[in-house]
N, C-alpha and C. Protein backbone atom coordinates (compact mmCIF):
# COMPACT_ATOMS: atom_id res chain seq x y z
N MET A 1 -19.05 -167.62 78.95
CA MET A 1 -18.98 -166.29 79.54
C MET A 1 -18.24 -165.38 78.56
N GLY A 2 -18.94 -164.37 78.10
CA GLY A 2 -18.36 -163.47 77.13
C GLY A 2 -17.48 -162.41 77.76
N LEU A 3 -17.09 -161.48 76.93
CA LEU A 3 -16.21 -160.41 77.38
C LEU A 3 -16.87 -159.54 78.45
N LEU A 4 -18.18 -159.30 78.30
CA LEU A 4 -18.89 -158.51 79.31
C LEU A 4 -19.12 -159.28 80.59
N GLY A 5 -19.09 -160.60 80.52
CA GLY A 5 -19.22 -161.41 81.72
C GLY A 5 -18.02 -161.28 82.63
N LEU A 6 -16.91 -160.82 82.09
CA LEU A 6 -15.70 -160.63 82.87
C LEU A 6 -15.44 -159.14 83.12
N PHE A 7 -16.51 -158.35 83.14
CA PHE A 7 -16.39 -156.90 83.27
C PHE A 7 -15.64 -156.49 84.53
N HIS A 8 -15.91 -157.17 85.65
CA HIS A 8 -15.26 -156.78 86.90
C HIS A 8 -13.75 -157.01 86.85
N TYR A 9 -13.30 -157.98 86.05
CA TYR A 9 -11.86 -158.18 85.91
C TYR A 9 -11.23 -157.05 85.10
N TRP A 10 -11.95 -156.55 84.11
CA TRP A 10 -11.45 -155.42 83.33
C TRP A 10 -11.36 -154.17 84.19
N VAL A 11 -12.39 -153.95 85.00
CA VAL A 11 -12.37 -152.79 85.91
C VAL A 11 -11.21 -152.93 86.89
N PHE A 12 -11.01 -154.15 87.41
CA PHE A 12 -9.89 -154.41 88.32
C PHE A 12 -8.56 -154.07 87.65
N ALA A 13 -8.38 -154.54 86.42
CA ALA A 13 -7.11 -154.31 85.73
C ALA A 13 -6.87 -152.82 85.46
N VAL A 14 -7.90 -152.10 85.06
CA VAL A 14 -7.76 -150.67 84.77
C VAL A 14 -7.44 -149.91 86.06
N LEU A 15 -8.17 -150.20 87.14
CA LEU A 15 -7.90 -149.52 88.41
C LEU A 15 -6.51 -149.86 88.93
N LEU A 16 -6.12 -151.11 88.81
CA LEU A 16 -4.80 -151.53 89.29
C LEU A 16 -3.69 -150.81 88.54
N MET A 17 -3.80 -150.75 87.23
CA MET A 17 -2.76 -150.10 86.43
C MET A 17 -2.77 -148.58 86.62
N THR A 18 -3.94 -147.99 86.83
CA THR A 18 -4.02 -146.56 87.10
C THR A 18 -3.33 -146.23 88.42
N GLY A 19 -3.62 -147.00 89.44
CA GLY A 19 -2.97 -146.78 90.73
C GLY A 19 -1.48 -147.02 90.67
N PHE A 20 -1.07 -148.07 89.97
CA PHE A 20 0.36 -148.38 89.83
C PHE A 20 1.09 -147.27 89.10
N TYR A 21 0.47 -146.74 88.04
CA TYR A 21 1.06 -145.63 87.28
C TYR A 21 1.23 -144.41 88.19
N ALA A 22 0.22 -144.11 88.99
CA ALA A 22 0.30 -142.93 89.86
C ALA A 22 1.41 -143.10 90.90
N VAL A 23 1.57 -144.29 91.43
CA VAL A 23 2.62 -144.51 92.44
C VAL A 23 4.00 -144.40 91.81
N ILE A 24 4.16 -144.92 90.61
CA ILE A 24 5.47 -144.94 89.96
C ILE A 24 5.82 -143.60 89.29
N ALA A 25 4.89 -143.00 88.58
CA ALA A 25 5.22 -141.87 87.70
C ALA A 25 5.07 -140.50 88.35
N LYS A 26 4.19 -140.36 89.30
CA LYS A 26 3.95 -139.04 89.90
C LYS A 26 5.06 -138.68 90.87
N ARG A 27 5.37 -137.40 90.96
CA ARG A 27 6.42 -136.91 91.86
C ARG A 27 5.85 -136.26 93.11
N ASN A 28 4.57 -135.94 93.11
CA ASN A 28 3.92 -135.34 94.27
C ASN A 28 3.55 -136.45 95.25
N LEU A 29 3.90 -136.29 96.51
CA LEU A 29 3.68 -137.36 97.48
C LEU A 29 2.20 -137.61 97.76
N VAL A 30 1.36 -136.58 97.71
CA VAL A 30 -0.07 -136.77 97.91
C VAL A 30 -0.65 -137.56 96.74
N LYS A 31 -0.21 -137.28 95.52
CA LYS A 31 -0.68 -138.03 94.36
C LYS A 31 -0.25 -139.48 94.44
N LYS A 32 0.92 -139.73 94.99
CA LYS A 32 1.37 -141.11 95.19
C LYS A 32 0.47 -141.83 96.18
N LEU A 33 0.07 -141.15 97.25
CA LEU A 33 -0.83 -141.75 98.22
C LEU A 33 -2.21 -142.03 97.61
N ILE A 34 -2.68 -141.13 96.78
CA ILE A 34 -3.96 -141.36 96.10
C ILE A 34 -3.85 -142.56 95.16
N GLY A 35 -2.74 -142.67 94.45
CA GLY A 35 -2.50 -143.82 93.58
C GLY A 35 -2.46 -145.12 94.37
N LEU A 36 -1.85 -145.08 95.53
CA LEU A 36 -1.81 -146.26 96.40
C LEU A 36 -3.22 -146.64 96.85
N SER A 37 -4.04 -145.66 97.13
CA SER A 37 -5.43 -145.92 97.53
C SER A 37 -6.23 -146.54 96.37
N ILE A 38 -6.02 -146.05 95.15
CA ILE A 38 -6.70 -146.62 93.99
C ILE A 38 -6.24 -148.05 93.76
N PHE A 39 -4.95 -148.29 93.89
CA PHE A 39 -4.39 -149.64 93.75
C PHE A 39 -5.03 -150.58 94.77
N GLN A 40 -5.14 -150.12 95.99
CA GLN A 40 -5.73 -150.92 97.06
C GLN A 40 -7.21 -151.19 96.80
N SER A 41 -7.93 -150.20 96.30
CA SER A 41 -9.35 -150.39 95.99
C SER A 41 -9.55 -151.42 94.89
N ALA A 42 -8.63 -151.48 93.94
CA ALA A 42 -8.72 -152.49 92.89
C ALA A 42 -8.59 -153.89 93.47
N VAL A 43 -7.70 -154.07 94.41
CA VAL A 43 -7.54 -155.38 95.05
C VAL A 43 -8.79 -155.73 95.85
N PHE A 44 -9.38 -154.75 96.52
CA PHE A 44 -10.63 -154.99 97.25
C PHE A 44 -11.71 -155.47 96.29
N LEU A 45 -11.83 -154.81 95.15
CA LEU A 45 -12.83 -155.18 94.16
C LEU A 45 -12.63 -156.62 93.69
N LEU A 46 -11.40 -157.00 93.45
CA LEU A 46 -11.12 -158.36 93.00
C LEU A 46 -11.55 -159.38 94.04
N TYR A 47 -11.19 -159.18 95.28
CA TYR A 47 -11.55 -160.14 96.33
C TYR A 47 -13.06 -160.22 96.54
N ILE A 48 -13.73 -159.10 96.51
CA ILE A 48 -15.18 -159.10 96.74
C ILE A 48 -15.90 -159.80 95.59
N THR A 49 -15.49 -159.56 94.36
CA THR A 49 -16.17 -160.21 93.23
C THR A 49 -15.87 -161.70 93.17
N MET A 50 -14.75 -162.15 93.70
CA MET A 50 -14.47 -163.59 93.72
C MET A 50 -15.36 -164.31 94.72
N GLY A 51 -15.87 -163.62 95.72
CA GLY A 51 -16.72 -164.25 96.72
C GLY A 51 -18.16 -164.42 96.28
N LYS A 52 -18.54 -163.83 95.16
CA LYS A 52 -19.92 -163.92 94.68
C LYS A 52 -20.15 -165.25 93.98
N VAL A 53 -21.21 -165.94 94.38
CA VAL A 53 -21.60 -167.20 93.76
C VAL A 53 -22.90 -166.96 93.02
N GLU A 54 -22.94 -167.33 91.75
CA GLU A 54 -24.13 -167.13 90.94
C GLU A 54 -25.30 -167.94 91.51
N GLY A 55 -26.36 -167.26 91.86
CA GLY A 55 -27.53 -167.91 92.45
C GLY A 55 -27.41 -168.12 93.94
N GLY A 56 -26.33 -167.67 94.52
CA GLY A 56 -26.12 -167.84 95.96
C GLY A 56 -26.86 -166.79 96.77
N THR A 57 -27.17 -167.14 97.99
CA THR A 57 -27.85 -166.21 98.89
C THR A 57 -26.94 -165.92 100.08
N ALA A 58 -27.43 -165.08 100.96
CA ALA A 58 -26.69 -164.79 102.18
C ALA A 58 -26.57 -166.08 103.00
N PRO A 59 -25.44 -166.28 103.65
CA PRO A 59 -25.23 -167.54 104.38
C PRO A 59 -26.01 -167.60 105.69
N ILE A 60 -27.33 -167.65 105.56
CA ILE A 60 -28.22 -167.76 106.73
C ILE A 60 -29.03 -169.03 106.53
N TYR A 61 -28.86 -169.97 107.43
CA TYR A 61 -29.54 -171.24 107.32
C TYR A 61 -31.02 -171.08 107.64
N GLN A 62 -31.87 -171.71 106.79
CA GLN A 62 -33.31 -171.67 106.99
C GLN A 62 -33.82 -173.09 107.14
N ASN A 63 -34.70 -173.32 108.08
CA ASN A 63 -35.26 -174.65 108.28
C ASN A 63 -36.05 -175.10 107.06
N GLY A 64 -35.88 -176.34 106.71
CA GLY A 64 -36.64 -176.92 105.61
C GLY A 64 -35.97 -176.78 104.26
N ALA A 65 -34.93 -176.02 104.14
CA ALA A 65 -34.23 -175.85 102.87
C ALA A 65 -32.90 -176.57 102.96
N SER A 66 -32.80 -177.72 102.30
CA SER A 66 -31.59 -178.53 102.43
C SER A 66 -30.60 -178.31 101.30
N ASP A 67 -31.03 -177.75 100.20
CA ASP A 67 -30.13 -177.60 99.04
C ASP A 67 -29.87 -176.13 98.70
N GLN A 68 -29.67 -175.33 99.71
CA GLN A 68 -29.40 -173.91 99.46
C GLN A 68 -27.97 -173.71 99.00
N LEU A 69 -27.78 -172.72 98.15
CA LEU A 69 -26.45 -172.34 97.67
C LEU A 69 -26.10 -171.00 98.31
N PHE A 70 -24.98 -170.97 99.03
CA PHE A 70 -24.59 -169.76 99.75
C PHE A 70 -23.41 -169.09 99.08
N SER A 71 -23.39 -167.77 99.17
CA SER A 71 -22.20 -167.01 98.78
C SER A 71 -21.20 -167.07 99.92
N ASN A 72 -19.94 -166.97 99.58
CA ASN A 72 -18.88 -167.06 100.59
C ASN A 72 -18.73 -165.70 101.28
N PRO A 73 -18.92 -165.63 102.60
CA PRO A 73 -18.80 -164.34 103.30
C PRO A 73 -17.36 -164.00 103.67
N LEU A 74 -16.43 -164.94 103.55
CA LEU A 74 -15.06 -164.70 104.00
C LEU A 74 -14.37 -163.54 103.27
N PRO A 75 -14.49 -163.41 101.93
CA PRO A 75 -13.83 -162.27 101.28
C PRO A 75 -14.32 -160.91 101.79
N GLU A 76 -15.62 -160.80 102.03
CA GLU A 76 -16.15 -159.53 102.52
C GLU A 76 -15.61 -159.22 103.92
N VAL A 77 -15.50 -160.24 104.76
CA VAL A 77 -14.99 -160.03 106.11
C VAL A 77 -13.52 -159.61 106.05
N LEU A 78 -12.75 -160.26 105.20
CA LEU A 78 -11.34 -159.90 105.07
C LEU A 78 -11.17 -158.50 104.51
N ILE A 79 -12.02 -158.12 103.59
CA ILE A 79 -11.93 -156.79 103.00
C ILE A 79 -12.30 -155.72 104.02
N LEU A 80 -13.25 -155.99 104.90
CA LEU A 80 -13.56 -155.02 105.96
C LEU A 80 -12.33 -154.75 106.81
N THR A 81 -11.61 -155.79 107.15
CA THR A 81 -10.37 -155.61 107.91
C THR A 81 -9.33 -154.85 107.09
N ALA A 82 -9.22 -155.18 105.81
CA ALA A 82 -8.26 -154.51 104.95
C ALA A 82 -8.59 -153.03 104.77
N ILE A 83 -9.87 -152.70 104.74
CA ILE A 83 -10.27 -151.30 104.62
C ILE A 83 -9.82 -150.51 105.85
N VAL A 84 -9.99 -151.08 107.02
CA VAL A 84 -9.56 -150.41 108.25
C VAL A 84 -8.05 -150.21 108.23
N VAL A 85 -7.31 -151.24 107.83
CA VAL A 85 -5.85 -151.12 107.76
C VAL A 85 -5.46 -150.09 106.70
N GLY A 86 -6.17 -150.07 105.57
CA GLY A 86 -5.88 -149.11 104.51
C GLY A 86 -6.12 -147.68 104.94
N ILE A 87 -7.19 -147.45 105.69
CA ILE A 87 -7.46 -146.09 106.18
C ILE A 87 -6.38 -145.67 107.17
N SER A 88 -5.96 -146.58 108.02
CA SER A 88 -4.90 -146.26 108.97
C SER A 88 -3.59 -145.96 108.26
N THR A 89 -3.29 -146.74 107.25
CA THR A 89 -2.07 -146.52 106.48
C THR A 89 -2.12 -145.18 105.75
N MET A 90 -3.28 -144.84 105.20
CA MET A 90 -3.44 -143.57 104.51
C MET A 90 -3.28 -142.41 105.49
N ALA A 91 -3.84 -142.53 106.67
CA ALA A 91 -3.71 -141.47 107.68
C ALA A 91 -2.25 -141.30 108.09
N LEU A 92 -1.55 -142.40 108.28
CA LEU A 92 -0.13 -142.32 108.63
C LEU A 92 0.68 -141.70 107.49
N GLY A 93 0.37 -142.10 106.26
CA GLY A 93 1.06 -141.52 105.11
C GLY A 93 0.84 -140.03 104.99
N LEU A 94 -0.39 -139.59 105.21
CA LEU A 94 -0.68 -138.16 105.14
C LEU A 94 0.01 -137.40 106.27
N ALA A 95 0.09 -138.01 107.45
CA ALA A 95 0.80 -137.37 108.56
C ALA A 95 2.28 -137.23 108.24
N ILE A 96 2.86 -138.23 107.61
CA ILE A 96 4.27 -138.15 107.21
C ILE A 96 4.46 -137.09 106.14
N VAL A 97 3.52 -136.98 105.20
CA VAL A 97 3.62 -135.94 104.17
C VAL A 97 3.55 -134.55 104.81
N VAL A 98 2.68 -134.37 105.79
CA VAL A 98 2.61 -133.08 106.48
C VAL A 98 3.93 -132.77 107.17
N ARG A 99 4.51 -133.76 107.80
CA ARG A 99 5.81 -133.56 108.48
C ARG A 99 6.91 -133.25 107.47
N ILE A 100 6.90 -133.91 106.33
CA ILE A 100 7.88 -133.63 105.27
C ILE A 100 7.71 -132.20 104.77
N LYS A 101 6.47 -131.77 104.59
CA LYS A 101 6.19 -130.40 104.15
C LYS A 101 6.72 -129.38 105.16
N GLU A 102 6.56 -129.67 106.44
CA GLU A 102 7.08 -128.76 107.46
C GLU A 102 8.61 -128.71 107.44
N GLU A 103 9.25 -129.83 107.22
CA GLU A 103 10.71 -129.90 107.27
C GLU A 103 11.36 -129.36 106.00
N TYR A 104 10.86 -129.76 104.84
CA TYR A 104 11.49 -129.41 103.57
C TYR A 104 10.81 -128.27 102.83
N GLY A 105 9.58 -127.96 103.17
CA GLY A 105 8.87 -126.89 102.49
C GLY A 105 8.26 -127.30 101.16
N SER A 106 8.25 -128.57 100.86
CA SER A 106 7.71 -129.06 99.60
C SER A 106 7.28 -130.52 99.76
N ILE A 107 6.37 -130.93 98.90
CA ILE A 107 5.99 -132.34 98.86
C ILE A 107 6.30 -132.95 97.50
N GLU A 108 7.11 -132.26 96.72
CA GLU A 108 7.56 -132.78 95.44
C GLU A 108 8.82 -133.61 95.67
N GLU A 109 8.82 -134.82 95.15
CA GLU A 109 9.92 -135.76 95.38
C GLU A 109 11.26 -135.23 94.90
N ASP A 110 11.28 -134.60 93.74
CA ASP A 110 12.55 -134.07 93.18
C ASP A 110 13.16 -133.01 94.08
N GLU A 111 12.34 -132.07 94.57
CA GLU A 111 12.83 -131.00 95.42
C GLU A 111 13.35 -131.54 96.75
N ILE A 112 12.70 -132.54 97.28
CA ILE A 112 13.14 -133.14 98.54
C ILE A 112 14.48 -133.85 98.35
N MET A 113 14.62 -134.57 97.24
CA MET A 113 15.87 -135.28 96.96
C MET A 113 17.02 -134.28 96.74
N ASN A 114 16.77 -133.17 96.07
CA ASN A 114 17.79 -132.15 95.84
C ASN A 114 18.19 -131.46 97.15
N PHE A 115 17.25 -131.32 98.06
CA PHE A 115 17.52 -130.67 99.34
C PHE A 115 18.51 -131.48 100.18
N ASP A 116 18.42 -132.81 100.09
CA ASP A 116 19.28 -133.69 100.89
C ASP A 116 20.68 -133.85 100.32
N ARG A 117 20.91 -133.43 99.10
CA ARG A 117 22.24 -133.60 98.48
C ARG A 117 23.22 -132.58 98.93
């Protein structure tokens, strides 16, 4: 398996580091939430690509075929649940950012920290 055969791992690493950078380096709370979403999407990509079996089909049993190779459906099912949790977390985060904006008048981390001092 060459370098291009591991393409999805490279995409995973780039997305993961991009999201991590946004969460750590950005001072705007909305940008931090977007970075968290990118980070989460990278993890989803990793789990989904690990469930793929080369030459595998959908896990539906057919009569007369005894040597079928199936792809694992468990990662996709877990990711569906994780997507729902991620959307809920993002909605809660955005609601908290709106409340912070109402209270402090800004969503910049530095300005909020200076306000509390």
